[in-house]
C-alpha cells in the first residue's frame, strides 16, 4: 500500500474509534414518556448507569431541563409498558409517594433514589461491564 494510503487508513481508524468512544451509554437505552409525566427507560442490559444515562439524556436533550433538576426513581426494574417483554425503570421529576430515599448511591432498585439531571447525564460517560 502506498504511504499516503496507509496514513488515510490510520486516520480513518482513529476517527471511527473516537466516534465509538464518544457515543457513551446513550445508545444503550431508550426513554419513553408514560402517564403522569413519568419517564420509562428501557436499557440494553440491566445496569444502574445505563438507566440513569437514559433518563438524564432525555431530560437534558429532549425536555430541556436544567442540570440542577432532580430525577427520582419511581419504580425499579420491572416489566416495560412501552416495550412489552423488556425490563425498564420508571423515573419522575418529583419525589414518589414513598418520598426521597436517604441513600447516597445510584441504585435504581431503591424507590425515591435521586440524582440531578447533570449527575444522571454524567453516567453516560461511565465505563460499563460490556465496555
N, C-alpha and C. Protein backbone atom coordinates (compact mmCIF):
# COMPACT_ATOMS: atom_id res chain seq x y z
N UNK A 1 0.85 -1.18 0.00
CA UNK A 1 0.00 0.00 0.00
C UNK A 1 0.89 1.23 0.00
N UNK A 2 0.59 2.21 -0.85
CA UNK A 2 1.38 3.44 -0.85
C UNK A 2 1.30 4.12 0.52
N UNK A 3 2.34 4.87 0.83
CA UNK A 3 2.45 5.52 2.13
C UNK A 3 1.25 6.45 2.41
N UNK A 4 0.78 7.22 1.41
CA UNK A 4 -0.36 8.13 1.59
C UNK A 4 -1.60 7.32 1.94
N UNK A 5 -1.82 6.19 1.27
CA UNK A 5 -2.98 5.34 1.55
C UNK A 5 -2.95 4.79 2.96
N UNK A 6 -1.77 4.44 3.44
CA UNK A 6 -1.62 3.92 4.80
C UNK A 6 -2.01 4.97 5.83
N UNK A 7 -1.60 6.22 5.60
CA UNK A 7 -1.97 7.30 6.52
C UNK A 7 -3.48 7.54 6.52
N UNK A 8 -4.10 7.44 5.35
CA UNK A 8 -5.55 7.62 5.27
C UNK A 8 -6.27 6.54 6.06
N UNK A 9 -5.82 5.30 5.93
CA UNK A 9 -6.43 4.19 6.66
C UNK A 9 -6.26 4.41 8.16
N UNK A 10 -5.07 4.80 8.59
CA UNK A 10 -4.81 5.05 10.01
C UNK A 10 -5.67 6.21 10.52
N UNK A 11 -5.81 7.26 9.72
CA UNK A 11 -6.63 8.41 10.12
C UNK A 11 -8.10 8.01 10.23
N UNK A 12 -8.58 7.22 9.27
CA UNK A 12 -9.97 6.77 9.31
C UNK A 12 -10.21 5.89 10.53
N UNK A 13 -9.29 5.01 10.86
CA UNK A 13 -9.41 4.16 12.04
C UNK A 13 -9.46 4.99 13.31
N UNK A 14 -8.67 6.04 13.37
CA UNK A 14 -8.66 6.92 14.54
C UNK A 14 -10.00 7.63 14.69
N UNK A 15 -10.57 8.12 13.60
CA UNK A 15 -11.86 8.81 13.63
C UNK A 15 -12.96 7.86 14.06
N UNK A 16 -12.99 6.65 13.50
CA UNK A 16 -14.02 5.68 13.86
C UNK A 16 -13.92 5.28 15.32
N UNK A 17 -12.72 5.08 15.83
CA UNK A 17 -12.53 4.73 17.23
C UNK A 17 -12.99 5.87 18.13
N UNK A 18 -12.64 7.09 17.80
CA UNK A 18 -13.04 8.25 18.60
C UNK A 18 -14.56 8.39 18.62
N UNK A 19 -15.21 8.14 17.49
CA UNK A 19 -16.66 8.24 17.42
C UNK A 19 -17.31 7.21 18.32
N UNK A 20 -16.81 5.99 18.31
CA UNK A 20 -17.37 4.94 19.15
C UNK A 20 -17.20 5.28 20.63
N UNK A 21 -16.08 5.80 21.01
CA UNK A 21 -15.83 6.15 22.40
C UNK A 21 -16.72 7.30 22.83
N UNK A 22 -16.91 8.29 21.96
CA UNK A 22 -17.72 9.44 22.31
C UNK A 22 -19.20 9.08 22.44
N UNK A 23 -19.63 7.98 21.84
CA UNK A 23 -21.04 7.60 21.88
C UNK A 23 -21.52 7.33 23.30
N UNK A 24 -20.66 6.84 24.18
CA UNK A 24 -21.03 6.61 25.57
C UNK A 24 -22.17 5.63 25.71
N UNK A 25 -22.92 5.78 26.81
CA UNK A 25 -24.03 4.87 27.10
C UNK A 25 -25.35 5.30 26.47
N UNK A 26 -25.39 6.47 25.83
CA UNK A 26 -26.65 6.97 25.28
C UNK A 26 -27.31 5.97 24.34
N UNK A 27 -26.53 5.27 23.56
CA UNK A 27 -27.10 4.34 22.58
C UNK A 27 -27.56 3.02 23.21
N UNK A 28 -27.37 2.87 24.50
CA UNK A 28 -27.72 1.61 25.16
C UNK A 28 -29.05 1.67 25.89
N UNK A 29 -29.77 2.76 25.75
CA UNK A 29 -31.07 2.88 26.41
C UNK A 29 -32.00 3.73 25.57
N UNK A 30 -33.28 3.62 25.89
CA UNK A 30 -34.30 4.44 25.22
C UNK A 30 -35.28 4.91 26.28
N UNK A 31 -35.68 6.17 26.21
CA UNK A 31 -36.60 6.76 27.17
C UNK A 31 -37.96 6.99 26.52
N UNK A 32 -39.02 6.69 27.29
CA UNK A 32 -40.38 6.84 26.79
C UNK A 32 -41.23 7.58 27.82
N UNK A 33 -41.93 8.63 27.42
CA UNK A 33 -42.86 9.28 28.34
C UNK A 33 -44.02 8.33 28.65
N UNK A 34 -44.40 8.24 29.91
CA UNK A 34 -45.55 7.44 30.31
C UNK A 34 -46.49 8.32 31.13
N UNK A 35 -47.61 7.80 31.54
CA UNK A 35 -48.63 8.56 32.26
C UNK A 35 -48.07 9.30 33.47
N UNK A 36 -48.67 10.43 33.78
CA UNK A 36 -48.31 11.18 34.97
C UNK A 36 -47.01 11.94 34.87
N UNK A 37 -46.51 12.18 33.65
CA UNK A 37 -45.26 12.92 33.48
C UNK A 37 -44.02 12.10 33.83
N UNK A 38 -44.17 10.79 33.95
CA UNK A 38 -43.04 9.92 34.27
C UNK A 38 -42.32 9.51 32.99
N UNK A 39 -41.08 9.06 33.16
CA UNK A 39 -40.26 8.60 32.04
C UNK A 39 -39.84 7.16 32.32
N UNK A 40 -40.09 6.29 31.35
CA UNK A 40 -39.67 4.90 31.46
C UNK A 40 -38.42 4.71 30.61
N UNK A 41 -37.40 4.10 31.18
CA UNK A 41 -36.16 3.86 30.45
C UNK A 41 -35.96 2.36 30.30
N UNK A 42 -35.84 1.94 29.04
CA UNK A 42 -35.54 0.55 28.70
C UNK A 42 -34.08 0.52 28.32
N UNK A 43 -33.32 -0.41 28.90
CA UNK A 43 -31.88 -0.46 28.65
C UNK A 43 -31.49 -1.75 27.94
N UNK A 44 -30.36 -1.69 27.24
CA UNK A 44 -29.84 -2.86 26.52
C UNK A 44 -29.49 -3.99 27.49
N UNK A 45 -29.11 -3.64 28.70
CA UNK A 45 -28.85 -4.61 29.77
C UNK A 45 -29.04 -3.90 31.09
N UNK A 46 -29.25 -4.66 32.13
CA UNK A 46 -29.58 -4.07 33.42
C UNK A 46 -28.33 -3.63 34.18
N UNK A 47 -28.11 -2.33 34.16
CA UNK A 47 -27.01 -1.73 34.91
C UNK A 47 -27.45 -0.32 35.30
N UNK A 48 -27.22 0.05 36.54
CA UNK A 48 -27.68 1.35 37.05
C UNK A 48 -27.33 2.51 36.13
N UNK A 49 -26.07 2.61 35.73
CA UNK A 49 -25.61 3.75 34.93
C UNK A 49 -26.37 3.88 33.61
N UNK A 50 -26.73 2.77 33.00
CA UNK A 50 -27.43 2.82 31.71
C UNK A 50 -28.81 3.44 31.88
N UNK A 51 -29.52 3.06 32.93
CA UNK A 51 -30.85 3.64 33.18
C UNK A 51 -30.76 5.13 33.48
N UNK A 52 -29.83 5.51 34.37
CA UNK A 52 -29.67 6.93 34.70
C UNK A 52 -29.26 7.72 33.46
N UNK A 53 -28.38 7.17 32.65
CA UNK A 53 -27.97 7.85 31.43
C UNK A 53 -29.17 8.11 30.54
N UNK A 54 -30.02 7.11 30.37
CA UNK A 54 -31.20 7.26 29.51
C UNK A 54 -32.11 8.38 29.96
N UNK A 55 -32.40 8.44 31.27
CA UNK A 55 -33.30 9.48 31.75
C UNK A 55 -32.59 10.84 31.78
N UNK A 56 -31.31 10.87 32.12
CA UNK A 56 -30.57 12.13 32.13
C UNK A 56 -30.45 12.74 30.75
N UNK A 57 -30.13 11.91 29.76
CA UNK A 57 -30.02 12.37 28.38
C UNK A 57 -31.37 12.88 27.88
N UNK A 58 -32.44 12.14 28.17
CA UNK A 58 -33.78 12.54 27.75
C UNK A 58 -34.18 13.87 28.38
N UNK A 59 -33.94 14.00 29.69
CA UNK A 59 -34.31 15.24 30.40
C UNK A 59 -33.55 16.44 29.86
N UNK A 60 -32.28 16.26 29.56
CA UNK A 60 -31.45 17.36 29.10
C UNK A 60 -31.69 17.71 27.64
N UNK A 61 -31.63 16.70 26.77
CA UNK A 61 -31.69 16.97 25.34
C UNK A 61 -33.10 17.05 24.77
N UNK A 62 -34.03 16.27 25.29
CA UNK A 62 -35.40 16.26 24.74
C UNK A 62 -36.32 17.23 25.48
N UNK A 63 -36.16 17.31 26.80
CA UNK A 63 -37.06 18.14 27.59
C UNK A 63 -36.47 19.50 27.95
N UNK A 64 -35.16 19.67 27.73
CA UNK A 64 -34.51 20.94 28.01
C UNK A 64 -34.48 21.32 29.48
N UNK A 65 -34.47 20.33 30.34
CA UNK A 65 -34.45 20.60 31.79
C UNK A 65 -33.08 21.08 32.23
N UNK A 66 -33.03 21.91 33.27
CA UNK A 66 -31.74 22.38 33.78
C UNK A 66 -30.99 21.25 34.48
N UNK A 67 -29.69 21.37 34.52
CA UNK A 67 -28.85 20.35 35.15
C UNK A 67 -29.12 20.17 36.62
N UNK A 68 -29.68 21.16 37.28
CA UNK A 68 -29.95 21.07 38.71
C UNK A 68 -31.28 20.39 39.05
N UNK A 69 -32.11 20.13 38.04
CA UNK A 69 -33.40 19.46 38.26
C UNK A 69 -33.15 18.05 38.80
N UNK A 70 -33.85 17.66 39.82
CA UNK A 70 -33.70 16.33 40.39
C UNK A 70 -34.56 15.31 39.65
N UNK A 71 -34.04 14.10 39.55
CA UNK A 71 -34.74 12.96 38.95
C UNK A 71 -34.86 11.92 40.06
N UNK A 72 -36.02 11.27 40.16
CA UNK A 72 -36.27 10.29 41.21
C UNK A 72 -36.67 8.95 40.61
N UNK A 73 -36.24 7.87 41.23
CA UNK A 73 -36.69 6.53 40.84
C UNK A 73 -38.10 6.35 41.39
N UNK A 74 -39.04 6.06 40.51
CA UNK A 74 -40.42 5.80 40.92
C UNK A 74 -40.69 4.30 40.97
N UNK A 75 -40.06 3.55 40.08
CA UNK A 75 -40.23 2.10 40.06
C UNK A 75 -38.94 1.48 39.57
N UNK A 76 -38.43 0.53 40.33
CA UNK A 76 -37.19 -0.15 39.96
C UNK A 76 -37.42 -1.08 38.77
N UNK A 77 -36.38 -1.83 38.39
CA UNK A 77 -36.50 -2.71 37.23
C UNK A 77 -37.76 -3.60 37.30
N UNK A 78 -38.57 -3.48 36.26
CA UNK A 78 -39.84 -4.21 36.18
C UNK A 78 -40.24 -4.30 34.71
N UNK A 79 -41.30 -5.05 34.40
CA UNK A 79 -41.72 -5.15 33.00
C UNK A 79 -42.04 -3.78 32.40
N UNK A 80 -41.59 -3.58 31.17
CA UNK A 80 -41.80 -2.32 30.46
C UNK A 80 -43.23 -2.20 29.94
N UNK A 81 -43.78 -1.00 30.05
CA UNK A 81 -45.08 -0.70 29.45
C UNK A 81 -44.89 -0.32 27.98
N UNK A 82 -43.81 0.39 27.69
CA UNK A 82 -43.55 0.89 26.34
C UNK A 82 -43.06 -0.21 25.40
N UNK A 83 -42.30 -1.14 25.94
CA UNK A 83 -41.75 -2.23 25.12
C UNK A 83 -41.98 -3.56 25.83
N UNK A 84 -43.19 -4.12 25.67
CA UNK A 84 -43.53 -5.37 26.33
C UNK A 84 -42.47 -6.46 26.09
N UNK A 85 -42.20 -7.20 27.14
CA UNK A 85 -41.20 -8.26 27.06
C UNK A 85 -39.82 -7.80 27.50
N UNK A 86 -39.66 -6.50 27.71
CA UNK A 86 -38.37 -5.97 28.18
C UNK A 86 -38.54 -5.39 29.58
N UNK A 87 -37.40 -5.08 30.22
CA UNK A 87 -37.42 -4.51 31.57
C UNK A 87 -37.10 -3.02 31.49
N UNK A 88 -37.66 -2.29 32.44
CA UNK A 88 -37.49 -0.83 32.45
C UNK A 88 -37.47 -0.31 33.88
N UNK A 89 -36.97 0.92 34.01
CA UNK A 89 -37.02 1.66 35.27
C UNK A 89 -37.82 2.92 34.99
N UNK A 90 -38.71 3.28 35.93
CA UNK A 90 -39.54 4.47 35.75
C UNK A 90 -39.03 5.58 36.68
N UNK A 91 -38.87 6.77 36.10
CA UNK A 91 -38.35 7.93 36.80
C UNK A 91 -39.37 9.07 36.76
N UNK A 92 -39.26 9.97 37.71
CA UNK A 92 -40.09 11.17 37.73
C UNK A 92 -39.24 12.36 38.15
N UNK A 93 -39.82 13.54 38.02
CA UNK A 93 -39.09 14.77 38.35
C UNK A 93 -39.55 15.38 39.67
N UNK A 94 -40.34 14.63 40.40
CA UNK A 94 -40.76 14.98 41.76
C UNK A 94 -40.64 13.69 42.57
N UNK A 95 -40.48 13.78 43.88
CA UNK A 95 -40.36 12.56 44.68
C UNK A 95 -41.60 11.68 44.53
N UNK A 96 -41.42 10.36 44.56
CA UNK A 96 -42.57 9.46 44.51
C UNK A 96 -43.35 9.53 45.82
N UNK A 97 -44.54 8.94 45.86
CA UNK A 97 -45.34 8.98 47.09
C UNK A 97 -44.58 8.46 48.33
N UNK A 98 -43.66 7.52 48.13
CA UNK A 98 -42.89 6.98 49.25
C UNK A 98 -41.86 7.97 49.77
N UNK A 99 -41.59 9.03 49.03
CA UNK A 99 -40.62 10.04 49.43
C UNK A 99 -39.24 9.80 48.84
N UNK A 100 -38.36 10.71 49.20
CA UNK A 100 -36.97 10.65 48.72
C UNK A 100 -36.17 9.66 49.57
N UNK A 101 -35.35 8.85 48.92
CA UNK A 101 -34.51 7.88 49.64
C UNK A 101 -33.31 8.59 50.26
N UNK A 102 -32.89 8.17 51.44
CA UNK A 102 -31.72 8.79 52.08
C UNK A 102 -30.39 8.25 51.54
N UNK A 103 -30.44 7.30 50.60
CA UNK A 103 -29.24 6.64 50.11
C UNK A 103 -28.34 7.58 49.31
N UNK A 104 -27.07 7.32 49.35
CA UNK A 104 -26.09 8.04 48.53
C UNK A 104 -25.51 7.05 47.52
N UNK A 105 -26.34 6.64 46.59
CA UNK A 105 -25.98 5.64 45.61
C UNK A 105 -26.75 5.90 44.33
N UNK A 106 -26.37 5.23 43.25
CA UNK A 106 -27.14 5.39 42.01
C UNK A 106 -27.98 4.14 41.75
N UNK A 107 -28.25 3.34 42.76
CA UNK A 107 -29.01 2.10 42.64
C UNK A 107 -30.45 2.40 42.20
N UNK A 108 -30.84 1.90 41.03
CA UNK A 108 -32.19 2.14 40.51
C UNK A 108 -33.22 1.21 41.14
N UNK A 109 -32.79 0.33 42.01
CA UNK A 109 -33.72 -0.54 42.73
C UNK A 109 -34.26 0.12 43.98
N UNK A 110 -33.76 1.29 44.34
CA UNK A 110 -34.19 2.00 45.54
C UNK A 110 -35.21 3.06 45.15
N UNK A 111 -36.47 2.84 45.52
CA UNK A 111 -37.53 3.81 45.20
C UNK A 111 -37.23 5.12 45.93
N UNK A 112 -37.31 6.22 45.21
CA UNK A 112 -37.03 7.53 45.77
C UNK A 112 -35.57 7.95 45.64
N UNK A 113 -34.73 7.04 45.15
CA UNK A 113 -33.33 7.41 44.94
C UNK A 113 -33.29 8.56 43.94
N UNK A 114 -32.32 9.45 44.08
CA UNK A 114 -32.34 10.66 43.28
C UNK A 114 -30.95 11.09 42.84
N UNK A 115 -30.89 11.64 41.63
CA UNK A 115 -29.71 12.32 41.09
C UNK A 115 -30.22 13.57 40.40
N UNK A 116 -29.33 14.53 40.16
CA UNK A 116 -29.71 15.67 39.34
C UNK A 116 -29.62 15.26 37.88
N UNK A 117 -30.20 16.05 37.01
CA UNK A 117 -30.10 15.80 35.57
C UNK A 117 -28.62 15.72 35.17
N UNK A 118 -27.80 16.64 35.68
CA UNK A 118 -26.36 16.65 35.35
C UNK A 118 -25.68 15.38 35.82
N UNK A 119 -25.98 14.95 37.04
CA UNK A 119 -25.37 13.72 37.56
C UNK A 119 -25.80 12.52 36.73
N UNK A 120 -27.08 12.46 36.38
CA UNK A 120 -27.60 11.35 35.58
C UNK A 120 -26.95 11.33 34.20
N UNK A 121 -26.85 12.50 33.59
CA UNK A 121 -26.23 12.60 32.25
C UNK A 121 -24.76 12.19 32.31
N UNK A 122 -24.09 12.49 33.41
CA UNK A 122 -22.67 12.14 33.56
C UNK A 122 -22.47 10.62 33.54
N UNK A 123 -23.49 9.86 33.94
CA UNK A 123 -23.35 8.40 33.91
C UNK A 123 -23.21 7.87 32.48
N UNK A 124 -23.53 8.69 31.50
CA UNK A 124 -23.34 8.28 30.11
C UNK A 124 -21.87 8.08 29.78
N UNK A 125 -21.00 8.73 30.55
CA UNK A 125 -19.57 8.63 30.31
C UNK A 125 -18.90 7.47 31.05
N UNK A 126 -19.64 6.82 31.96
CA UNK A 126 -19.04 5.76 32.77
C UNK A 126 -18.77 4.51 31.93
N UNK A 127 -17.66 3.87 32.24
CA UNK A 127 -17.37 2.59 31.61
C UNK A 127 -18.31 1.56 32.19
N UNK A 128 -18.78 0.65 31.38
CA UNK A 128 -19.71 -0.37 31.85
C UNK A 128 -19.09 -1.74 31.73
N UNK A 129 -19.77 -2.72 32.27
CA UNK A 129 -19.28 -4.09 32.24
C UNK A 129 -19.12 -4.59 30.81
N UNK A 130 -19.92 -4.05 29.88
CA UNK A 130 -19.83 -4.52 28.49
C UNK A 130 -18.87 -3.68 27.68
N UNK A 131 -18.22 -2.71 28.29
CA UNK A 131 -17.24 -1.91 27.56
C UNK A 131 -17.76 -0.58 27.30
